């Protein structure tokens, strides 16, 4: 009788233990953006074979403020926000950020007609910070850092441009502005103004067409001395369908040449 009671107690304990283990394993994955849990109405996020959280592309993209489209011919998900373009290809670890090829440790997936993408790579591509809390199976994404500078070795990424460190040309992201995404400033009080112009040209060529950059730089290079005048004007790049604004540079000692990159889709009021 005692042996039977002991056996039943053992079975009971093992059942409880097994049930609690099953419960722990089945905790659903959660994705929280800026304190708000993202709702996935049908297809749910999951951990892939590489240990990355895969989420339906449209929902994660829209949660951080990006526009998401699907290119069926190229089999890629495209995310766009504030001049930054991210392209993730189904079944490939290689992806593109503003046209530059990069590598991740997993890949986008197509499951039952739904595109899944690694949440971390999408969020970090736009400058958001990502944290993973394993105990509660939750991905936390904070978009407060979107638009800030991201350091990458000897270069830094500013609003989608790769900018070398330790140059005198100033390149800054513009956050929380409905019209502009970045500003370039050549300062005549800094050394080697011509080098600043050369750096501006190289960085602009990362995104814009050669014809547009040549047109811009012809005007920029016309200001040889800080007492020279440049009138304000707009440029339009057909490659990116984007406007660039060159502010008026006054003829005065220590003046600057300032170039603003308008957000794609924004048309200056004066040209409307």
Foldseek 3Di string as FASTA:
>chain_A
DVVVVVVVVVVVVVVVVVVVVVVQVPQFAWEAEPNRTFDDPPDGWDQDPLRFIKDQVVRLLVSLPWDWDADPVQQWIWTDDLQWIWIFHAPAQWTDILRDIDGDPDGWHQDPNTIIDGSVVSLVSQQWDWDADVSNNYIYIYNPRGQAWADDPQWIAGSRWTAGPPDPWDKGADPPDQWFGIKIKQWPVDPDSVVNLVRVLVRVVSRADPVQSVVVSVQVVVCPDLQDWGDKDKTAGPRQRWIKIWHIWHRDPGTMTMITTTGRPDDDPVVD
